[in-house]
Amino acid sequence: MESLDAEGWARFFHACNESAYHLEMRDHYAVAEEQPDIEKWRAGEWGPEQDAASKAGWLELMRATSARGVRLRRVRIVSEPVTEYIRFEHEGTPQNIAAGEDVRWLPRTQASGLALPGNDCWVFDGTTVLFNHFTGDGGWVGNEVSTDHEVAQVCVRAFESAWKLGIPHSEYTLT
C-alpha cells in the first residue's frame, strides 16, 4: 500500500485516455487536510469561492483531464438522512461538476442488490483500479493499485450498476 501525493494522483489522470470513474461508499471521511475547511463550513465561513480555492489543484486536474476528452464520473452511495460530512461534500459538488465531473448520488437503501467492492475506488479506462483505504473513523490509510483484469471488471460492473441507479446531482435533494 502507498499514499499518493498530488503528483501521484495526477499521473493516473494523465495516463488515462477514455474514462475515470470514482465509486464512493462512505458516509464520513476524516481526511486531515479537509478538517480546517469543514470547521469553516460549520462556522458559516465557507462558500463556493472558498471551496474552489481549497481544491484548486484537483479542479484544474479535472478540467485538464476532461478537456482531453476523458469522461469523468463519480457516484456517491450515501445513507439517509445524510451525515454532516455528506452535506459539506454536497455543497461543494457544483465546483466538481463545473470542472468536468458528472456526479450522481445513490441512497444506500437503493443499493442493497448491488455487488460492491470492499473499498472506495477509482477505475481508469476500465483496466486500472486505485483503491482508497480509510480507517473505521474515516482517516486516510493509503492507496492500493490493481491491474488485475477480474478486479477491474468487478469494479466496473459495480460502478455502472450504481451509476444506473444514481440520481444526478441537480436532482438529488438532501434528507
C-alpha atoms as a PDB file:
ATOM      1  CA  MET A   1       0.000   0.000   0.000  1.00  0.00           C
ATOM      2  CA  GLU A   2       1.169   3.508  -0.757  1.00  0.00           C
ATOM      3  CA  SER A   3      -0.108   7.000  -0.080  1.00  0.00           C
ATOM      4  CA  LEU A   4      -0.182   9.113  -3.221  1.00  0.00           C
ATOM      5  CA  ASP A   5       0.678  12.781  -3.201  1.00  0.00           C
ATOM      6  CA  ALA A   6      -0.860  15.239  -5.684  1.00  0.00           C
ATOM      7  CA  GLU A   7       1.721  14.308  -8.316  1.00  0.00           C
ATOM      8  CA  GLY A   8       0.978  10.603  -7.852  1.00  0.00           C
ATOM      9  CA  TRP A   9      -2.746  11.209  -8.324  1.00  0.00           C
ATOM     10  CA  ALA A  10      -2.099  13.334 -11.387  1.00  0.00           C
ATOM     11  CA  ARG A  11      -0.120  10.540 -13.058  1.00  0.00           C
ATOM     12  CA  PHE A  12      -3.212   8.312 -13.110  1.00  0.00           C
ATOM     13  CA  PHE A  13      -5.318  11.016 -14.745  1.00  0.00           C
ATOM     14  CA  HIS A  14      -2.623  11.974 -17.251  1.00  0.00           C
ATOM     15  CA  ALA A  15      -2.283   8.310 -18.243  1.00  0.00           C
ATOM     16  CA  CYS A  16      -5.975   7.616 -18.834  1.00  0.00           C
ATOM     17  CA  ASN A  17      -7.443   8.133 -22.279  1.00  0.00           C
ATOM     18  CA  GLU A  18     -11.155   7.383 -22.065  1.00  0.00           C
ATOM     19  CA  SER A  19     -12.621   7.319 -18.571  1.00  0.00           C
ATOM     20  CA  ALA A  20     -12.037   7.840 -14.879  1.00  0.00           C
ATOM     21  CA  TYR A  21     -14.833   6.696 -12.589  1.00  0.00           C
ATOM     22  CA  HIS A  22     -14.997   7.138  -8.820  1.00  0.00           C
ATOM     23  CA  LEU A  23     -17.137   4.994  -6.538  1.00  0.00           C
ATOM     24  CA  GLU A  24     -17.553   6.496  -3.060  1.00  0.00           C
ATOM     25  CA  MET A  25     -19.317   4.488  -0.384  1.00  0.00           C
ATOM     26  CA  ARG A  26     -18.542   6.109   2.978  1.00  0.00           C
ATOM     27  CA  ASP A  27     -20.772   8.471   4.913  1.00  0.00           C
ATOM     28  CA  HIS A  28     -17.871  10.153   6.665  1.00  0.00           C
ATOM     29  CA  TYR A  29     -14.328  10.961   5.641  1.00  0.00           C
ATOM     30  CA  ALA A  30     -11.914  12.411   8.191  1.00  0.00           C
ATOM     31  CA  VAL A  31      -9.072  13.305   5.870  1.00  0.00           C
ATOM     32  CA  ALA A  32      -6.750  15.599   7.817  1.00  0.00           C
ATOM     33  CA  GLU A  33      -6.330  18.257   5.135  1.00  0.00           C
ATOM     34  CA  GLU A  34     -10.115  18.762   4.932  1.00  0.00           C
ATOM     35  CA  GLN A  35     -10.633  19.416   8.630  1.00  0.00           C
ATOM     36  CA  PRO A  36      -9.932  23.187   8.571  1.00  0.00           C
ATOM     37  CA  ASP A  37     -12.353  23.542   5.635  1.00  0.00           C
ATOM     38  CA  ILE A  38     -15.078  21.636   7.477  1.00  0.00           C
ATOM     39  CA  GLU A  39     -14.589  23.797  10.569  1.00  0.00           C
ATOM     40  CA  LYS A  40     -15.024  26.958   8.470  1.00  0.00           C
ATOM     41  CA  TRP A  41     -18.091  25.416   6.802  1.00  0.00           C
ATOM     42  CA  ARG A  42     -19.597  24.651  10.229  1.00  0.00           C
ATOM     43  CA  ALA A  43     -18.978  28.248  11.264  1.00  0.00           C
ATOM     44  CA  GLY A  44     -20.749  29.564   8.152  1.00  0.00           C
ATOM     45  CA  GLU A  45     -17.486  30.915   6.744  1.00  0.00           C
ATOM     46  CA  TRP A  46     -17.458  28.711   3.675  1.00  0.00           C
ATOM     47  CA  GLY A  47     -18.937  29.085   0.223  1.00  0.00           C
ATOM     48  CA  PRO A  48     -18.264  28.226  -3.407  1.00  0.00           C
ATOM     49  CA  GLU A  49     -15.243  30.543  -3.654  1.00  0.00           C
ATOM     50  CA  GLN A  50     -13.538  29.044  -0.598  1.00  0.00           C
ATOM     51  CA  ASP A  51     -14.351  25.518  -1.752  1.00  0.00           C
ATOM     52  CA  ALA A  52     -12.931  26.148  -5.232  1.00  0.00           C
ATOM     53  CA  ALA A  53      -9.783  27.716  -3.777  1.00  0.00           C
ATOM     54  CA  SER A  54      -9.280  24.834  -1.348  1.00  0.00           C
ATOM     55  CA  LYS A  55      -9.430  22.192  -4.062  1.00  0.00           C
ATOM     56  CA  ALA A  56      -7.982  24.304  -6.894  1.00  0.00           C
ATOM     57  CA  GLY A  57      -5.323  21.728  -7.794  1.00  0.00           C
ATOM     58  CA  TRP A  58      -7.889  18.960  -8.042  1.00  0.00           C
ATOM     59  CA  LEU A  59     -10.292  21.068 -10.088  1.00  0.00           C
ATOM     60  CA  GLU A  60      -7.524  22.060 -12.501  1.00  0.00           C
ATOM     61  CA  LEU A  61      -6.584  18.390 -12.917  1.00  0.00           C
ATOM     62  CA  MET A  62     -10.241  17.558 -13.655  1.00  0.00           C
ATOM     63  CA  ARG A  63     -10.532  20.415 -16.169  1.00  0.00           C
ATOM     64  CA  ALA A  64      -7.364  19.335 -17.972  1.00  0.00           C
ATOM     65  CA  THR A  65      -8.420  15.677 -17.991  1.00  0.00           C
ATOM     66  CA  SER A  66     -11.915  16.486 -19.237  1.00  0.00           C
ATOM     67  CA  ALA A  67     -10.508  18.794 -21.924  1.00  0.00           C
ATOM     68  CA  ARG A  68      -8.598  15.786 -23.336  1.00  0.00           C
ATOM     69  CA  GLY A  69     -11.935  14.010 -23.831  1.00  0.00           C
ATOM     70  CA  VAL A  70     -11.735  11.749 -20.782  1.00  0.00           C
ATOM     71  CA  ARG A  71     -15.171  11.031 -19.312  1.00  0.00           C
ATOM     72  CA  LEU A  72     -15.178  11.782 -15.567  1.00  0.00           C
ATOM     73  CA  ARG A  73     -17.952  10.265 -13.478  1.00  0.00           C
ATOM     74  CA  ARG A  74     -18.460   9.943  -9.731  1.00  0.00           C
ATOM     75  CA  VAL A  75     -21.214   8.160  -7.826  1.00  0.00           C
ATOM     76  CA  ARG A  76     -21.650   8.544  -4.086  1.00  0.00           C
ATOM     77  CA  ILE A  77     -23.584   5.907  -2.171  1.00  0.00           C
ATOM     78  CA  VAL A  78     -24.968   7.572   0.956  1.00  0.00           C
ATOM     79  CA  SER A  79     -27.102   6.758   3.970  1.00  0.00           C
ATOM     80  CA  GLU A  80     -30.153   8.900   4.585  1.00  0.00           C
ATOM     81  CA  PRO A  81     -30.617  11.100   6.407  1.00  0.00           C
ATOM     82  CA  VAL A  82     -27.151  12.140   5.280  1.00  0.00           C
ATOM     83  CA  THR A  83     -24.286  12.881   7.615  1.00  0.00           C
ATOM     84  CA  GLU A  84     -22.808  16.301   8.220  1.00  0.00           C
ATOM     85  CA  TYR A  85     -19.839  15.346   6.041  1.00  0.00           C
ATOM     86  CA  ILE A  86     -22.095  14.451   3.110  1.00  0.00           C
ATOM     87  CA  ARG A  87     -23.834  17.829   3.492  1.00  0.00           C
ATOM     88  CA  PHE A  88     -20.417  19.516   3.251  1.00  0.00           C
ATOM     89  CA  GLU A  89     -19.488  17.382   0.240  1.00  0.00           C
ATOM     90  CA  HIS A  90     -22.834  18.026  -1.474  1.00  0.00           C
ATOM     91  CA  GLU A  91     -22.402  21.780  -1.123  1.00  0.00           C
ATOM     92  CA  GLY A  92     -19.002  21.597  -2.856  1.00  0.00           C
ATOM     93  CA  THR A  93     -20.094  19.326  -5.694  1.00  0.00           C
ATOM     94  CA  PRO A  94     -21.019  22.136  -8.144  1.00  0.00           C
ATOM     95  CA  GLN A  95     -17.311  23.025  -8.336  1.00  0.00           C
ATOM     96  CA  ASN A  96     -16.516  19.414  -9.349  1.00  0.00           C
ATOM     97  CA  ILE A  97     -19.247  19.491 -11.982  1.00  0.00           C
ATOM     98  CA  ALA A  98     -18.017  22.811 -13.383  1.00  0.00           C
ATOM     99  CA  ALA A  99     -14.551  21.227 -13.712  1.00  0.00           C
ATOM    100  CA  GLY A 100     -15.925  18.382 -15.844  1.00  0.00           C
ATOM    101  CA  GLU A 101     -17.083  15.683 -13.450  1.00  0.00           C
ATOM    102  CA  ASP A 102     -20.563  14.166 -13.746  1.00  0.00           C
ATOM    103  CA  VAL A 103     -21.811  13.337 -10.241  1.00  0.00           C
ATOM    104  CA  ARG A 104     -24.683  11.163  -9.063  1.00  0.00           C
ATOM    105  CA  TRP A 105     -25.956  10.239  -5.613  1.00  0.00           C
ATOM    106  CA  LEU A 106     -27.377   6.839  -4.684  1.00  0.00           C
ATOM    107  CA  PRO A 107     -29.278   6.395  -1.434  1.00  0.00           C
ATOM    108  CA  ARG A 108     -27.878   3.304   0.308  1.00  0.00           C
ATOM    109  CA  THR A 109     -31.398   1.854   0.639  1.00  0.00           C
ATOM    110  CA  GLN A 110     -31.488   1.604  -3.167  1.00  0.00           C
ATOM    111  CA  ALA A 111     -28.105  -0.158  -3.373  1.00  0.00           C
ATOM    112  CA  SER A 112     -28.955  -3.358  -1.490  1.00  0.00           C
ATOM    113  CA  GLY A 113     -28.971  -5.548  -4.593  1.00  0.00           C
ATOM    114  CA  LEU A 114     -25.594  -4.334  -5.856  1.00  0.00           C
ATOM    115  CA  ALA A 115     -22.344  -6.271  -5.601  1.00  0.00           C
ATOM    116  CA  LEU A 116     -19.833  -3.648  -4.494  1.00  0.00           C
ATOM    117  CA  PRO A 117     -16.076  -3.729  -3.859  1.00  0.00           C
ATOM    118  CA  GLY A 118     -14.925  -3.528  -0.249  1.00  0.00           C
ATOM    119  CA  ASN A 119     -13.363  -0.089  -0.676  1.00  0.00           C
ATOM    120  CA  ASP A 120     -13.886   3.184  -2.476  1.00  0.00           C
ATOM    121  CA  CYS A 121     -12.087   3.193  -5.785  1.00  0.00           C
ATOM    122  CA  TRP A 122     -11.202   4.982  -8.980  1.00  0.00           C
ATOM    123  CA  VAL A 123     -11.324   2.973 -12.210  1.00  0.00           C
ATOM    124  CA  PHE A 124      -9.185   4.288 -15.070  1.00  0.00           C
ATOM    125  CA  ASP A 125     -10.017   3.226 -18.628  1.00  0.00           C
ATOM    126  CA  GLY A 126     -11.710   0.115 -17.223  1.00  0.00           C
ATOM    127  CA  THR A 127      -8.332  -1.539 -16.602  1.00  0.00           C
ATOM    128  CA  THR A 128      -6.633   0.052 -13.610  1.00  0.00           C
ATOM    129  CA  VAL A 129      -8.208   0.333 -10.173  1.00  0.00           C
ATOM    130  CA  LEU A 130      -6.952   2.678  -7.481  1.00  0.00           C
ATOM    131  CA  PHE A 131      -8.460   1.660  -4.145  1.00  0.00           C
ATOM    132  CA  ASN A 132      -8.683   4.224  -1.359  1.00  0.00           C
ATOM    133  CA  HIS A 133      -8.276   2.833   2.151  1.00  0.00           C
ATOM    134  CA  PHE A 134      -9.606   4.523   5.280  1.00  0.00           C
ATOM    135  CA  THR A 135      -9.726   3.759   8.984  1.00  0.00           C
ATOM    136  CA  GLY A 136     -13.034   2.970  10.658  1.00  0.00           C
ATOM    137  CA  ASP A 137     -13.459   6.600  11.677  1.00  0.00           C
ATOM    138  CA  GLY A 138     -12.668   7.885   8.166  1.00  0.00           C
ATOM    139  CA  GLY A 139      -8.965   8.697   8.479  1.00  0.00           C
ATOM    140  CA  TRP A 140      -6.744   8.210   5.462  1.00  0.00           C
ATOM    141  CA  VAL A 141      -4.670   4.998   5.299  1.00  0.00           C
ATOM    142  CA  GLY A 142      -3.422   4.893   1.714  1.00  0.00           C
ATOM    143  CA  ASN A 143      -3.896   3.587  -1.809  1.00  0.00           C
ATOM    144  CA  GLU A 144      -3.671   0.195  -3.455  1.00  0.00           C
ATOM    145  CA  VAL A 145      -3.369  -0.236  -7.214  1.00  0.00           C
ATOM    146  CA  SER A 146      -4.645  -3.242  -9.123  1.00  0.00           C
ATOM    147  CA  THR A 147      -4.376  -4.000 -12.809  1.00  0.00           C
ATOM    148  CA  ASP A 148      -5.847  -7.468 -12.340  1.00  0.00           C
ATOM    149  CA  HIS A 149      -8.469  -7.878 -15.081  1.00  0.00           C
ATOM    150  CA  GLU A 150     -11.001  -9.629 -12.802  1.00  0.00           C
ATOM    151  CA  VAL A 151     -10.686  -6.982 -10.090  1.00  0.00           C
ATOM    152  CA  ALA A 152     -11.104  -4.218 -12.659  1.00  0.00           C
ATOM    153  CA  GLN A 153     -14.217  -5.876 -14.100  1.00  0.00           C
ATOM    154  CA  VAL A 154     -15.767  -6.258 -10.631  1.00  0.00           C
ATOM    155  CA  CYS A 155     -15.234  -2.539 -10.039  1.00  0.00           C
ATOM    156  CA  VAL A 156     -16.501  -1.524 -13.486  1.00  0.00           C
ATOM    157  CA  ARG A 157     -19.688  -3.569 -13.025  1.00  0.00           C
ATOM    158  CA  ALA A 158     -20.200  -2.163  -9.528  1.00  0.00           C
ATOM    159  CA  PHE A 159     -19.730   1.386 -10.717  1.00  0.00           C
ATOM    160  CA  GLU A 160     -22.031   1.008 -13.723  1.00  0.00           C
ATOM    161  CA  SER A 161     -24.733  -0.620 -11.581  1.00  0.00           C
ATOM    162  CA  ALA A 162     -24.573   2.185  -9.028  1.00  0.00           C
ATOM    163  CA  TRP A 163     -24.436   4.816 -11.769  1.00  0.00           C
ATOM    164  CA  LYS A 164     -27.562   3.443 -13.430  1.00  0.00           C
ATOM    165  CA  LEU A 165     -29.494   3.799 -10.163  1.00  0.00           C
ATOM    166  CA  GLY A 166     -27.883   7.097  -9.126  1.00  0.00           C
ATOM    167  CA  ILE A 167     -29.640  10.431  -9.065  1.00  0.00           C
ATOM    168  CA  PRO A 168     -27.961  13.331 -10.907  1.00  0.00           C
ATOM    169  CA  HIS A 169     -26.616  15.971  -8.528  1.00  0.00           C
ATOM    170  CA  SER A 170     -29.041  18.607  -9.853  1.00  0.00           C
ATOM    171  CA  GLU A 171     -31.981  16.355  -8.932  1.00  0.00           C
ATOM    172  CA  TYR A 172     -30.759  14.963  -5.601  1.00  0.00           C
ATOM    173  CA  THR A 173     -32.255  16.564  -2.512  1.00  0.00           C
ATOM    174  CA  LEU A 174     -30.546  16.004   0.816  1.00  0.00           C
ATOM    175  CA  THR A 175     -32.660  14.454   3.526  1.00  0.00           C
END
